[in-house]
Amino acid sequence: MTHARKIEAYKRLMDEKGIGPGTASPPLWELLWSWGVELPPPLYMRFLSLALFSGTVFGVLFGSFAWYMGNRGVRTMSLDEAGVVAMATGAFFGLIVAGFTRRLARKHGLGAWSAFGASRLRT
């Protein structure tokens, strides 16, 4: 089964389970999938992978925004300070997102992405 077909089946399954599209396939994942990146859905990622991925993306974006906004007033923010802000917020955000996502995946009994759809192919 191709990655695109697995994603389609995944979206149908999440809809059946009552998991909203914003949780099942966030905009960042939709963007990456449309670019051809074969990234597993967040509900099928391991805790550490999800924490590092989401924390890094959020940290870079938030740190850049903090640096930009921190240099608009009387006080200026150095790149070192922005880096600390980025790492702290990214780590916190990544851990929280990964925790909630893995908890939801466990609640719905979701297994490994590599095994997703394999039972349908055996018929």
PDB file of N, CA and C in Angstrom:
ATOM      1  N   MET A   1       0.849  -1.170   0.000  1.00  0.00           N
ATOM      2  CA  MET A   1       0.000   0.000   0.000  1.00  0.00           C
ATOM      3  C   MET A   1       0.900   1.240   0.000  1.00  0.00           C
ATOM      4  N   THR A   2       0.593   2.177  -0.873  1.00  0.00           N
ATOM      5  CA  THR A   2       1.408   3.393  -0.952  1.00  0.00           C
ATOM      6  C   THR A   2       1.134   4.279   0.263  1.00  0.00           C
ATOM      7  N   HIS A   3       2.037   5.205   0.482  1.00  0.00           N
ATOM      8  CA  HIS A   3       1.894   6.104   1.632  1.00  0.00           C
ATOM      9  C   HIS A   3       0.618   6.942   1.505  1.00  0.00           C
ATOM     10  N   ALA A   4       0.329   7.431   0.308  1.00  0.00           N
ATOM     11  CA  ALA A   4      -0.868   8.257   0.107  1.00  0.00           C
ATOM     12  C   ALA A   4      -2.140   7.461   0.412  1.00  0.00           C
ATOM     13  N   ARG A   5      -2.176   6.203   0.010  1.00  0.00           N
ATOM     14  CA  ARG A   5      -3.352   5.364   0.295  1.00  0.00           C
ATOM     15  C   ARG A   5      -3.460   5.057   1.785  1.00  0.00           C
ATOM     16  N   LYS A   6      -2.315   4.860   2.429  1.00  0.00           N
ATOM     17  CA  LYS A   6      -2.339   4.640   3.878  1.00  0.00           C
ATOM     18  C   LYS A   6      -2.877   5.874   4.596  1.00  0.00           C
ATOM     19  N   ILE A   7      -2.495   7.047   4.128  1.00  0.00           N
ATOM     20  CA  ILE A   7      -2.975   8.290   4.746  1.00  0.00           C
ATOM     21  C   ILE A   7      -4.483   8.422   4.567  1.00  0.00           C
ATOM     22  N   GLU A   8      -4.985   8.092   3.376  1.00  0.00           N
ATOM     23  CA  GLU A   8      -6.434   8.133   3.133  1.00  0.00           C
ATOM     24  C   GLU A   8      -7.168   7.171   4.069  1.00  0.00           C
ATOM     25  N   ALA A   9      -6.661   5.956   4.192  1.00  0.00           N
ATOM     26  CA  ALA A   9      -7.272   4.967   5.081  1.00  0.00           C
ATOM     27  C   ALA A   9      -7.186   5.428   6.533  1.00  0.00           C
ATOM     28  N   TYR A  10      -6.063   6.028   6.894  1.00  0.00           N
ATOM     29  CA  TYR A  10      -5.873   6.546   8.248  1.00  0.00           C
ATOM     30  C   TYR A  10      -6.910   7.623   8.561  1.00  0.00           C
ATOM     31  N   LYS A  11      -7.134   8.542   7.623  1.00  0.00           N
ATOM     32  CA  LYS A  11      -8.108   9.609   7.842  1.00  0.00           C
ATOM     33  C   LYS A  11      -9.515   9.055   8.005  1.00  0.00           C
ATOM     34  N   ARG A  12      -9.864   8.030   7.223  1.00  0.00           N
ATOM     35  CA  ARG A  12     -11.177   7.403   7.375  1.00  0.00           C
ATOM     36  C   ARG A  12     -11.311   6.740   8.745  1.00  0.00           C
ATOM     37  N   LEU A  13     -10.249   6.035   9.171  1.00  0.00           N
ATOM     38  CA  LEU A  13     -10.274   5.373  10.473  1.00  0.00           C
ATOM     39  C   LEU A  13     -10.413   6.384  11.607  1.00  0.00           C
ATOM     40  N   MET A  14      -9.692   7.485  11.523  1.00  0.00           N
ATOM     41  CA  MET A  14      -9.774   8.504  12.569  1.00  0.00           C
ATOM     42  C   MET A  14     -11.165   9.135  12.605  1.00  0.00           C
ATOM     43  N   ASP A  15     -11.770   9.306  11.439  1.00  0.00           N
ATOM     44  CA  ASP A  15     -13.133   9.832  11.378  1.00  0.00           C
ATOM     45  C   ASP A  15     -14.110   8.855  12.038  1.00  0.00           C
ATOM     46  N   GLU A  16     -13.933   7.559  11.780  1.00  0.00           N
ATOM     47  CA  GLU A  16     -14.779   6.541  12.405  1.00  0.00           C
ATOM     48  C   GLU A  16     -14.624   6.525  13.916  1.00  0.00           C
ATOM     49  N   LYS A  17     -13.416   6.765  14.394  1.00  0.00           N
ATOM     50  CA  LYS A  17     -13.159   6.757  15.834  1.00  0.00           C
ATOM     51  C   LYS A  17     -13.558   8.070  16.505  1.00  0.00           C
ATOM     52  N   GLY A  18     -13.944   9.063  15.709  1.00  0.00           N
ATOM     53  CA  GLY A  18     -14.380  10.336  16.275  1.00  0.00           C
ATOM     54  C   GLY A  18     -13.245  11.282  16.624  1.00  0.00           C
ATOM     55  N   ILE A  19     -12.089  11.055  16.057  1.00  0.00           N
ATOM     56  CA  ILE A  19     -10.939  11.942  16.294  1.00  0.00           C
ATOM     57  C   ILE A  19     -10.961  13.023  15.220  1.00  0.00           C
ATOM     58  N   GLY A  20     -10.959  14.267  15.640  1.00  0.00           N
ATOM     59  CA  GLY A  20     -11.056  15.391  14.712  1.00  0.00           C
ATOM     60  C   GLY A  20      -9.882  15.475  13.756  1.00  0.00           C
ATOM     61  N   PRO A  21     -10.107  16.082  12.589  1.00  0.00           N
ATOM     62  CA  PRO A  21      -9.035  16.173  11.594  1.00  0.00           C
ATOM     63  C   PRO A  21      -7.857  17.030  12.057  1.00  0.00           C
ATOM     64  N   GLY A  22      -8.085  18.006  12.896  1.00  0.00           N
ATOM     65  CA  GLY A  22      -6.987  18.829  13.408  1.00  0.00           C
ATOM     66  C   GLY A  22      -6.055  18.047  14.324  1.00  0.00           C
ATOM     67  N   THR A  23      -6.596  17.050  14.995  1.00  0.00           N
ATOM     68  CA  THR A  23      -5.788  16.190  15.868  1.00  0.00           C
ATOM     69  C   THR A  23      -5.173  15.048  15.081  1.00  0.00           C
ATOM     70  N   ALA A  24      -5.952  14.450  14.207  1.00  0.00           N
ATOM     71  CA  ALA A  24      -5.486  13.286  13.448  1.00  0.00           C
ATOM     72  C   ALA A  24      -4.434  13.662  12.411  1.00  0.00           C
ATOM     73  N   SER A  25      -4.636  14.768  11.744  1.00  0.00           N
ATOM     74  CA  SER A  25      -3.678  15.199  10.717  1.00  0.00           C
ATOM     75  C   SER A  25      -3.540  16.720  10.769  1.00  0.00           C
ATOM     76  N   PRO A  26      -2.694  17.208  11.669  1.00  0.00           N
ATOM     77  CA  PRO A  26      -2.491  18.659  11.821  1.00  0.00           C
ATOM     78  C   PRO A  26      -1.992  19.300  10.522  1.00  0.00           C
ATOM     79  N   PRO A  27      -2.161  20.614  10.405  1.00  0.00           N
ATOM     80  CA  PRO A  27      -1.762  21.310   9.173  1.00  0.00           C
ATOM     81  C   PRO A  27      -0.305  21.082   8.760  1.00  0.00           C
ATOM     82  N   LEU A  28       0.611  21.000   9.713  1.00  0.00           N
ATOM     83  CA  LEU A  28       2.009  20.765   9.355  1.00  0.00           C
ATOM     84  C   LEU A  28       2.170  19.413   8.664  1.00  0.00           C
ATOM     85  N   TRP A  29       1.500  18.393   9.179  1.00  0.00           N
ATOM     86  CA  TRP A  29       1.568  17.067   8.557  1.00  0.00           C
ATOM     87  C   TRP A  29       0.934  17.103   7.171  1.00  0.00           C
ATOM     88  N   GLU A  30      -0.203  17.771   7.045  1.00  0.00           N
ATOM     89  CA  GLU A  30      -0.862  17.889   5.734  1.00  0.00           C
ATOM     90  C   GLU A  30       0.077  18.550   4.723  1.00  0.00           C
ATOM     91  N   LEU A  31       0.762  19.594   5.156  1.00  0.00           N
ATOM     92  CA  LEU A  31       1.703  20.290   4.274  1.00  0.00           C
ATOM     93  C   LEU A  31       2.842  19.360   3.857  1.00  0.00           C
ATOM     94  N   LEU A  32       3.428  18.675   4.812  1.00  0.00           N
ATOM     95  CA  LEU A  32       4.537  17.772   4.504  1.00  0.00           C
ATOM     96  C   LEU A  32       4.087  16.619   3.609  1.00  0.00           C
ATOM     97  N   TRP A  33       2.903  16.078   3.864  1.00  0.00           N
ATOM     98  CA  TRP A  33       2.382  15.000   3.010  1.00  0.00           C
ATOM     99  C   TRP A  33       2.154  15.505   1.595  1.00  0.00           C
ATOM    100  N   SER A  34       1.663  16.739   1.450  1.00  0.00           N
ATOM    101  CA  SER A  34       1.430  17.271   0.111  1.00  0.00           C
ATOM    102  C   SER A  34       2.740  17.488  -0.640  1.00  0.00           C
ATOM    103  N   TRP A  35       3.830  17.672   0.088  1.00  0.00           N
ATOM    104  CA  TRP A  35       5.156  17.811  -0.524  1.00  0.00           C
ATOM    105  C   TRP A  35       5.802  16.459  -0.799  1.00  0.00           C
ATOM    106  N   GLY A  36       5.145  15.384  -0.418  1.00  0.00           N
ATOM    107  CA  GLY A  36       5.672  14.051  -0.676  1.00  0.00           C
ATOM    108  C   GLY A  36       6.521  13.469   0.442  1.00  0.00           C
ATOM    109  N   VAL A  37       6.554  14.132   1.597  1.00  0.00           N
ATOM    110  CA  VAL A  37       7.309  13.618   2.742  1.00  0.00           C
ATOM    111  C   VAL A  37       6.504  12.483   3.375  1.00  0.00           C
ATOM    112  N   GLU A  38       7.114  11.326   3.497  1.00  0.00           N
ATOM    113  CA  GLU A  38       6.424  10.156   4.043  1.00  0.00           C
ATOM    114  C   GLU A  38       6.602  10.072   5.552  1.00  0.00           C
ATOM    115  N   LEU A  39       6.012  11.033   6.230  1.00  0.00           N
ATOM    116  CA  LEU A  39       6.055  11.115   7.686  1.00  0.00           C
ATOM    117  C   LEU A  39       4.826  10.405   8.244  1.00  0.00           C
ATOM    118  N   PRO A  40       4.992   9.539   9.257  1.00  0.00           N
ATOM    119  CA  PRO A  40       3.809   8.896   9.834  1.00  0.00           C
ATOM    120  C   PRO A  40       2.916   9.935  10.519  1.00  0.00           C
ATOM    121  N   PRO A  41       1.637   9.651  10.625  1.00  0.00           N
ATOM    122  CA  PRO A  41       0.742  10.563  11.337  1.00  0.00           C
ATOM    123  C   PRO A  41       1.170  10.692  12.803  1.00  0.00           C
ATOM    124  N   PRO A  42       0.832  11.801  13.439  1.00  0.00           N
ATOM    125  CA  PRO A  42       1.278  12.002  14.824  1.00  0.00           C
ATOM    126  C   PRO A  42       0.799  10.923  15.785  1.00  0.00           C
ATOM    127  N   LEU A  43      -0.389  10.372  15.556  1.00  0.00           N
ATOM    128  CA  LEU A  43      -0.906   9.341  16.448  1.00  0.00           C
ATOM    129  C   LEU A  43      -0.178   8.007  16.301  1.00  0.00           C
ATOM    130  N   TYR A  44       0.645   7.879  15.292  1.00  0.00           N
ATOM    131  CA  TYR A  44       1.424   6.653  15.072  1.00  0.00           C
ATOM    132  C   TYR A  44       2.924   6.863  15.283  1.00  0.00           C
ATOM    133  N   MET A  45       3.321   8.056  15.690  1.00  0.00           N
ATOM    134  CA  MET A  45       4.733   8.313  15.951  1.00  0.00           C
ATOM    135  C   MET A  45       5.074   7.914  17.381  1.00  0.00           C
ATOM    136  N   ARG A  46       6.318   7.539  17.591  1.00  0.00           N
ATOM    137  CA  ARG A  46       6.781   7.230  18.943  1.00  0.00           C
ATOM    138  C   ARG A  46       6.907   8.519  19.745  1.00  0.00           C
ATOM    139  N   PHE A  47       6.878   8.380  21.072  1.00  0.00           N
ATOM    140  CA  PHE A  47       6.899   9.541  21.957  1.00  0.00           C
ATOM    141  C   PHE A  47       8.099  10.436  21.677  1.00  0.00           C
ATOM    142  N   LEU A  48       9.292   9.867  21.672  1.00  0.00           N
ATOM    143  CA  LEU A  48      10.501  10.670  21.513  1.00  0.00           C
ATOM    144  C   LEU A  48      10.560  11.337  20.133  1.00  0.00           C
ATOM    145  N   SER A  49      10.209  10.603  19.097  1.00  0.00           N
ATOM    146  CA  SER A  49      10.213  11.175  17.743  1.00  0.00           C
ATOM    147  C   SER A  49       9.236  12.336  17.634  1.00  0.00           C
ATOM    148  N   LEU A  50       8.052  12.147  18.175  1.00  0.00           N
ATOM    149  CA  LEU A  50       7.038  13.191  18.124  1.00  0.00           C
ATOM    150  C   LEU A  50       7.447  14.401  18.961  1.00  0.00           C
ATOM    151  N   ALA A  51       8.009  14.155  20.139  1.00  0.00           N
ATOM    152  CA  ALA A  51       8.451  15.259  20.988  1.00  0.00           C
ATOM    153  C   ALA A  51       9.564  16.059  20.318  1.00  0.00           C
ATOM    154  N   LEU A  52      10.528  15.373  19.730  1.00  0.00           N
ATOM    155  CA  LEU A  52      11.632  16.071  19.058  1.00  0.00           C
ATOM    156  C   LEU A  52      11.160  16.826  17.819  1.00  0.00           C
ATOM    157  N   PHE A  53      10.326  16.197  17.015  1.00  0.00           N
ATOM    158  CA  PHE A  53       9.849  16.833  15.782  1.00  0.00           C
ATOM    159  C   PHE A  53       8.988  18.059  16.092  1.00  0.00           C
ATOM    160  N   SER A  54       7.955  17.871  16.885  1.00  0.00           N
ATOM    161  CA  SER A  54       7.047  18.993  17.159  1.00  0.00           C
ATOM    162  C   SER A  54       7.738  20.064  17.997  1.00  0.00           C
ATOM    163  N   GLY A  55       8.584  19.671  18.934  1.00  0.00           N
ATOM    164  CA  GLY A  55       9.298  20.642  19.755  1.00  0.00           C
ATOM    165  C   GLY A  55      10.293  21.461  18.955  1.00  0.00           C
ATOM    166  N   THR A  56      10.968  20.822  18.014  1.00  0.00           N
ATOM    167  CA  THR A  56      11.933  21.536  17.178  1.00  0.00           C
ATOM    168  C   THR A  56      11.232  22.551  16.283  1.00  0.00           C
ATOM    169  N   VAL A  57      10.175  22.124  15.624  1.00  0.00           N
ATOM    170  CA  VAL A  57       9.445  23.037  14.732  1.00  0.00           C
ATOM    171  C   VAL A  57       8.882  24.212  15.526  1.00  0.00           C
ATOM    172  N   PHE A  58       8.219  23.913  16.652  1.00  0.00           N
ATOM    173  CA  PHE A  58       7.643  24.989  17.454  1.00  0.00           C
ATOM    174  C   PHE A  58       8.734  25.888  18.026  1.00  0.00           C
ATOM    175  N   GLY A  59       9.806  25.297  18.522  1.00  0.00           N
ATOM    176  CA  GLY A  59      10.888  26.085  19.117  1.00  0.00           C
ATOM    177  C   GLY A  59      11.516  27.043  18.126  1.00  0.00           C
ATOM    178  N   VAL A  60      11.770  26.573  16.924  1.00  0.00           N
ATOM    179  CA  VAL A  60      12.374  27.440  15.898  1.00  0.00           C
ATOM    180  C   VAL A  60      11.430  28.588  15.550  1.00  0.00           C
ATOM    181  N   LEU A  61      10.164  28.265  15.327  1.00  0.00           N
ATOM    182  CA  LEU A  61       9.198  29.314  14.977  1.00  0.00           C
ATOM    183  C   LEU A  61       8.997  30.301  16.119  1.00  0.00           C
ATOM    184  N   PHE A  62       8.808  29.781  17.333  1.00  0.00           N
ATOM    185  CA  PHE A  62       8.581  30.657  18.474  1.00  0.00           C
ATOM    186  C   PHE A  62       9.829  31.463  18.812  1.00  0.00           C
ATOM    187  N   GLY A  63      10.991  30.837  18.740  1.00  0.00           N
ATOM    188  CA  GLY A  63      12.240  31.550  19.012  1.00  0.00           C
ATOM    189  C   GLY A  63      12.487  32.663  18.016  1.00  0.00           C
ATOM    190  N   SER A  64      12.197  32.410  16.751  1.00  0.00           N
ATOM    191  CA  SER A  64      12.348  33.451  15.725  1.00  0.00           C
ATOM    192  C   SER A  64      11.395  34.608  15.981  1.00  0.00           C
ATOM    193  N   PHE A  65      10.159  34.272  16.323  1.00  0.00           N
ATOM    194  CA  PHE A  65       9.171  35.303  16.624  1.00  0.00           C
ATOM    195  C   PHE A  65       9.579  36.105  17.862  1.00  0.00           C
ATOM    196  N   ALA A  66      10.060  35.410  18.900  1.00  0.00           N
ATOM    197  CA  ALA A  66      10.494  36.090  20.122  1.00  0.00           C
ATOM    198  C   ALA A  66      11.675  37.012  19.842  1.00  0.00           C
ATOM    199  N   TRP A  67      12.621  36.564  19.028  1.00  0.00           N
ATOM    200  CA  TRP A  67      13.769  37.403  18.687  1.00  0.00           C
ATOM    201  C   TRP A  67      13.320  38.636  17.908  1.00  0.00           C
ATOM    202  N   TYR A  68      12.424  38.439  16.937  1.00  0.00           N
ATOM    203  CA  TYR A  68      11.926  39.559  16.142  1.00  0.00           C
ATOM    204  C   TYR A  68      11.178  40.559  17.027  1.00  0.00           C
ATOM    205  N   MET A  69      10.281  40.064  17.862  1.00  0.00           N
ATOM    206  CA  MET A  69       9.501  40.951  18.728  1.00  0.00           C
ATOM    207  C   MET A  69      10.376  41.550  19.832  1.00  0.00           C
ATOM    208  N   GLY A  70      11.390  40.825  20.269  1.00  0.00           N
ATOM    209  CA  GLY A  70      12.269  41.318  21.315  1.00  0.00           C
ATOM    210  C   GLY A  70      13.198  42.431  20.857  1.00  0.00           C
ATOM    211  N   ASN A  71      13.285  42.640  19.571  1.00  0.00           N
ATOM    212  CA  ASN A  71      14.145  43.697  19.034  1.00  0.00           C
ATOM    213  C   ASN A  71      13.344  44.874  18.488  1.00  0.00           C
ATOM    214  N   ARG A  72      12.126  44.991  18.886  1.00  0.00           N
ATOM    215  CA  ARG A  72      11.294  46.079  18.386  1.00  0.00           C
ATOM    216  C   ARG A  72      11.132  47.213  19.400  1.00  0.00           C
ATOM    217  N   GLY A  73      11.563  47.039  20.607  1.00  0.00           N
ATOM    218  CA  GLY A  73      11.371  48.062  21.635  1.00  0.00           C
ATOM    219  C   GLY A  73      12.682  48.668  22.077  1.00  0.00           C
ATOM    220  N   VAL A  74      12.687  49.137  23.315  1.00  0.00           N
ATOM    221  CA  VAL A  74      13.866  49.758  23.896  1.00  0.00           C
ATOM    222  C   VAL A  74      14.941  48.703  24.147  1.00  0.00           C
ATOM    223  N   ARG A  75      14.530  47.569  24.656  1.00  0.00           N
ATOM    224  CA  ARG A  75      15.463  46.487  24.959  1.00  0.00           C
ATOM    225  C   ARG A  75      15.658  45.615  23.724  1.00  0.00           C
ATOM    226  N   THR A  76      16.851  45.108  23.544  1.00  0.00           N
ATOM    227  CA  THR A  76      17.108  44.201  22.428  1.00  0.00           C
ATOM    228  C   THR A  76      17.364  42.792  22.948  1.00  0.00           C
ATOM    229  N   MET A  77      17.031  41.820  22.153  1.00  0.00           N
ATOM    230  CA  MET A  77      17.232  40.418  22.512  1.00  0.00           C
ATOM    231  C   MET A  77      18.327  39.847  21.633  1.00  0.00           C
ATOM    232  N   SER A  78      19.312  39.263  22.281  1.00  0.00           N
ATOM    233  CA  SER A  78      20.407  38.665  21.510  1.00  0.00           C
ATOM    234  C   SER A  78      19.965  37.324  20.935  1.00  0.00           C
ATOM    235  N   LEU A  79      20.738  36.825  19.995  1.00  0.00           N
ATOM    236  CA  LEU A  79      20.436  35.509  19.430  1.00  0.00           C
ATOM    237  C   LEU A  79      20.589  34.409  20.473  1.00  0.00           C
ATOM    238  N   ASP A  80      21.510  34.609  21.427  1.00  0.00           N
ATOM    239  CA  ASP A  80      21.665  33.631  22.511  1.00  0.00           C
ATOM    240  C   ASP A  80      20.403  33.536  23.355  1.00  0.00           C
ATOM    241  N   GLU A  81      19.840  34.690  23.695  1.00  0.00           N
ATOM    242  CA  GLU A  81      18.604  34.698  24.481  1.00  0.00           C
ATOM    243  C   GLU A  81      17.457  34.065  23.694  1.00  0.00           C
ATOM    244  N   ALA A  82      17.379  34.388  22.425  1.00  0.00           N
ATOM    245  CA  ALA A  82      16.340  33.799  21.583  1.00  0.00           C
ATOM    246  C   ALA A  82      16.519  32.280  21.491  1.00  0.00           C
ATOM    247  N   GLY A  83      17.759  31.829  21.442  1.00  0.00           N
ATOM    248  CA  GLY A  83      18.031  30.390  21.406  1.00  0.00           C
ATOM    249  C   GLY A  83      17.580  29.694  22.671  1.00  0.00           C
ATOM    250  N   VAL A  84      17.818  30.322  23.814  1.00  0.00           N
ATOM    251  CA  VAL A  84      17.372  29.747  25.089  1.00  0.00           C
ATOM    252  C   VAL A  84      15.850  29.686  25.135  1.00  0.00           C
ATOM    253  N   VAL A  85      15.211  30.767  24.701  1.00  0.00           N
ATOM    254  CA  VAL A  85      13.745  30.795  24.649  1.00  0.00           C
ATOM    255  C   VAL A  85      13.238  29.692  23.719  1.00  0.00           C
ATOM    256  N   ALA A  86      13.863  29.551  22.568  1.00  0.00           N
ATOM    257  CA  ALA A  86      13.446  28.534  21.598  1.00  0.00           C
ATOM    258  C   ALA A  86      13.597  27.131  22.175  1.00  0.00           C
ATOM    259  N   MET A  87      14.713  26.852  22.811  1.00  0.00           N
ATOM    260  CA  MET A  87      14.927  25.515  23.366  1.00  0.00           C
ATOM    261  C   MET A  87      13.970  25.211  24.509  1.00  0.00           C
ATOM    262  N   ALA A  88      13.758  26.186  25.393  1.00  0.00           N
ATOM    263  CA  ALA A  88      12.872  25.961  26.534  1.00  0.00           C
ATOM    264  C   ALA A  88      11.428  25.758  26.088  1.00  0.00           C
ATOM    265  N   THR A  89      10.942  26.643  25.238  1.00  0.00           N
ATOM    266  CA  THR A  89       9.552  26.500  24.789  1.00  0.00           C
ATOM    267  C   THR A  89       9.379  25.278  23.893  1.00  0.00           C
ATOM    268  N   GLY A  90      10.363  24.993  23.055  1.00  0.00           N
ATOM    269  CA  GLY A  90      10.282  23.821  22.189  1.00  0.00           C
ATOM    270  C   GLY A  90      10.258  22.534  22.989  1.00  0.00           C
ATOM    271  N   ALA A  91      11.102  22.439  24.006  1.00  0.00           N
ATOM    272  CA  ALA A  91      11.132  21.235  24.837  1.00  0.00           C
ATOM    273  C   ALA A  91       9.805  21.057  25.571  1.00  0.00           C
ATOM    274  N   PHE A  92       9.301  22.127  26.158  1.00  0.00           N
ATOM    275  CA  PHE A  92       8.030  22.061  26.886  1.00  0.00           C
ATOM    276  C   PHE A  92       6.894  21.679  25.941  1.00  0.00           C
ATOM    277  N   PHE A  93       6.806  22.365  24.808  1.00  0.00           N
ATOM    278  CA  PHE A  93       5.747  22.097  23.844  1.00  0.00           C
ATOM    279  C   PHE A  93       5.832  20.665  23.306  1.00  0.00           C
ATOM    280  N   GLY A  94       7.020  20.239  22.947  1.00  0.00           N
ATOM    281  CA  GLY A  94       7.197  18.890  22.411  1.00  0.00           C
ATOM    282  C   GLY A  94       6.781  17.807  23.391  1.00  0.00           C
ATOM    283  N   LEU A  95       7.156  17.950  24.646  1.00  0.00           N
ATOM    284  CA  LEU A  95       6.793  16.957  25.658  1.00  0.00           C
ATOM    285  C   LEU A  95       5.289  16.927  25.906  1.00  0.00           C
ATOM    286  N   ILE A  96       4.676  18.096  25.963  1.00  0.00           N
ATOM    287  CA  ILE A  96       3.234  18.152  26.199  1.00  0.00           C
ATOM    288  C   ILE A  96       2.468  17.540  25.020  1.00  0.00           C
ATOM    289  N   VAL A  97       2.830  17.939  23.810  1.00  0.00           N
ATOM    290  CA  VAL A  97       2.145  17.412  22.616  1.00  0.00           C
ATOM    291  C   VAL A  97       2.333  15.900  22.521  1.00  0.00           C
ATOM    292  N   ALA A  98       3.544  15.429  22.710  1.00  0.00           N
ATOM    293  CA  ALA A  98       3.807  13.990  22.621  1.00  0.00           C
ATOM    294  C   ALA A  98       3.042  13.224  23.701  1.00  0.00           C
ATOM    295  N   GLY A  99       2.988  13.772  24.890  1.00  0.00           N
ATOM    296  CA  GLY A  99       2.256  13.110  25.978  1.00  0.00           C
ATOM    297  C   GLY A  99       0.779  12.973  25.677  1.00  0.00           C
ATOM    298  N   PHE A 100       0.150  14.057  25.278  1.00  0.00           N
ATOM    299  CA  PHE A 100      -1.279  14.014  24.967  1.00  0.00           C
ATOM    300  C   PHE A 100      -1.569  13.130  23.748  1.00  0.00           C
ATOM    301  N   THR A 101      -0.726  13.220  22.744  1.00  0.00           N
ATOM    302  CA  THR A 101      -0.943  12.438  21.528  1.00  0.00           C
ATOM    303  C   THR A 101      -0.791  10.947  21.791  1.00  0.00           C
ATOM    304  N   ARG A 102       0.251  10.550  22.503  1.00  0.00           N
ATOM    305  CA  ARG A 102       0.450   9.135  22.810  1.00  0.00           C
ATOM    306  C   ARG A 102      -0.661   8.611  23.716  1.00  0.00           C
ATOM    307  N   ARG A 103      -1.147   9.439  24.613  1.00  0.00           N
ATOM    308  CA  ARG A 103      -2.256   9.028  25.476  1.00  0.00           C
ATOM    309  C   ARG A 103      -3.507   8.753  24.640  1.00  0.00           C
ATOM    310  N   LEU A 104      -3.790   9.617  23.677  1.00  0.00           N
ATOM    311  CA  LEU A 104      -4.926   9.430  22.795  1.00  0.00           C
ATOM    312  C   LEU A 104      -4.756   8.177  21.932  1.00  0.00           C
ATOM    313  N   ALA A 105      -3.550   7.950  21.435  1.00  0.00           N
ATOM    314  CA  ALA A 105      -3.285   6.758  20.624  1.00  0.00           C
ATOM    315  C   ALA A 105      -3.473   5.488  21.452  1.00  0.00           C
ATOM    316  N   ARG A 106      -3.017   5.507  22.683  1.00  0.00           N
ATOM    317  CA  ARG A 106      -3.169   4.344  23.559  1.00  0.00           C
ATOM    318  C   ARG A 106      -4.653   4.096  23.869  1.00  0.00           C
ATOM    319  N   LYS A 107      -5.401   5.177  24.075  1.00  0.00           N
ATOM    320  CA  LYS A 107      -6.836   5.075  24.373  1.00  0.00           C
ATOM    321  C   LYS A 107      -7.584   4.393  23.233  1.00  0.00           C
ATOM    322  N   HIS A 108      -7.193   4.667  21.998  1.00  0.00           N
ATOM    323  CA  HIS A 108      -7.868   4.094  20.837  1.00  0.00           C
ATOM    324  C   HIS A 108      -7.192   2.824  20.317  1.00  0.00           C
ATOM    325  N   GLY A 109      -6.168   2.347  21.006  1.00  0.00           N
ATOM    326  CA  GLY A 109      -5.523   1.083  20.653  1.00  0.00           C
ATOM    327  C   GLY A 109      -4.808   1.099  19.312  1.00  0.00           C
ATOM    328  N   LEU A 110      -4.156   2.213  18.998  1.00  0.00           N
ATOM    329  CA  LEU A 110      -3.443   2.317  17.726  1.00  0.00           C
ATOM    330  C   LEU A 110      -2.061   1.691  17.857  1.00  0.00           C
ATOM    331  N   GLY A 111      -1.688   0.896  16.890  1.00  0.00           N
ATOM    332  CA  GLY A 111      -0.414   0.183  16.926  1.00  0.00           C
ATOM    333  C   GLY A 111       0.672   0.889  16.138  1.00  0.00           C
ATOM    334  N   ALA A 112       1.467   0.113  15.449  1.00  0.00           N
ATOM    335  CA  ALA A 112       2.593   0.647  14.685  1.00  0.00           C
ATOM    336  C   ALA A 112       2.141   1.063  13.286  1.00  0.00           C
ATOM    337  N   TRP A 113       2.721   2.142  12.770  1.00  0.00           N
ATOM    338  CA  TRP A 113       2.396   2.631  11.436  1.00  0.00           C
ATOM    339  C   TRP A 113       2.799   1.624  10.366  1.00  0.00           C
ATOM    340  N   SER A 114       3.879   0.914  10.594  1.00  0.00           N
ATOM    341  CA  SER A 114       4.333  -0.063   9.604  1.00  0.00           C
ATOM    342  C   SER A 114       3.324  -1.201   9.436  1.00  0.00           C
ATOM    343  N   ALA A 115       2.543  -1.491  10.469  1.00  0.00           N
ATOM    344  CA  ALA A 115       1.548  -2.558  10.392  1.00  0.00           C
ATOM    345  C   ALA A 115       0.177  -2.048   9.951  1.00  0.00           C
ATOM    346  N   PHE A 116       0.024  -0.740   9.830  1.00  0.00           N
ATOM    347  CA  PHE A 116      -1.270  -0.172   9.464  1.00  0.00           C
ATOM    348  C   PHE A 116      -1.658  -0.602   8.053  1.00  0.00           C
ATOM    349  N   GLY A 117      -2.850  -1.130   7.914  1.00  0.00           N
ATOM    350  CA  GLY A 117      -3.338  -1.536   6.603  1.00  0.00           C
ATOM    351  C   GLY A 117      -2.892  -2.915   6.160  1.00  0.00           C
ATOM    352  N   ALA A 118      -2.006  -3.554   6.899  1.00  0.00           N
ATOM    353  CA  ALA A 118      -1.490  -4.867   6.494  1.00  0.00           C
ATOM    354  C   ALA A 118      -2.593  -5.938   6.559  1.00  0.00           C
ATOM    355  N   SER A 119      -3.486  -5.825   7.521  1.00  0.00           N
ATOM    356  CA  SER A 119      -4.542  -6.826   7.649  1.00  0.00           C
ATOM    357  C   SER A 119      -5.503  -6.774   6.463  1.00  0.00           C
ATOM    358  N   ARG A 120      -5.666  -5.615   5.878  1.00  0.00           N
ATOM    359  CA  ARG A 120      -6.563  -5.468   4.727  1.00  0.00           C
ATOM    360  C   ARG A 120      -5.923  -6.042   3.458  1.00  0.00           C
ATOM    361  N   LEU A 121      -4.602  -6.123   3.427  1.00  0.00           N
ATOM    362  CA  LEU A 121      -3.916  -6.636   2.242  1.00  0.00           C
ATOM    363  C   LEU A 121      -3.924  -8.160   2.199  1.00  0.00           C
ATOM    364  N   ARG A 122      -4.122  -8.814   3.320  1.00  0.00           N
ATOM    365  CA  ARG A 122      -4.035 -10.273   3.390  1.00  0.00           C
ATOM    366  C   ARG A 122      -5.261 -10.985   2.844  1.00  0.00           C
ATOM    367  N   THR A 123      -6.304 -10.282   2.519  1.00  0.00           N
ATOM    368  CA  THR A 123      -7.533 -10.933   2.064  1.00  0.00           C
ATOM    369  C   THR A 123      -7.418 -11.482   0.669  1.00  0.00           C
TER     370      THR A 123
END
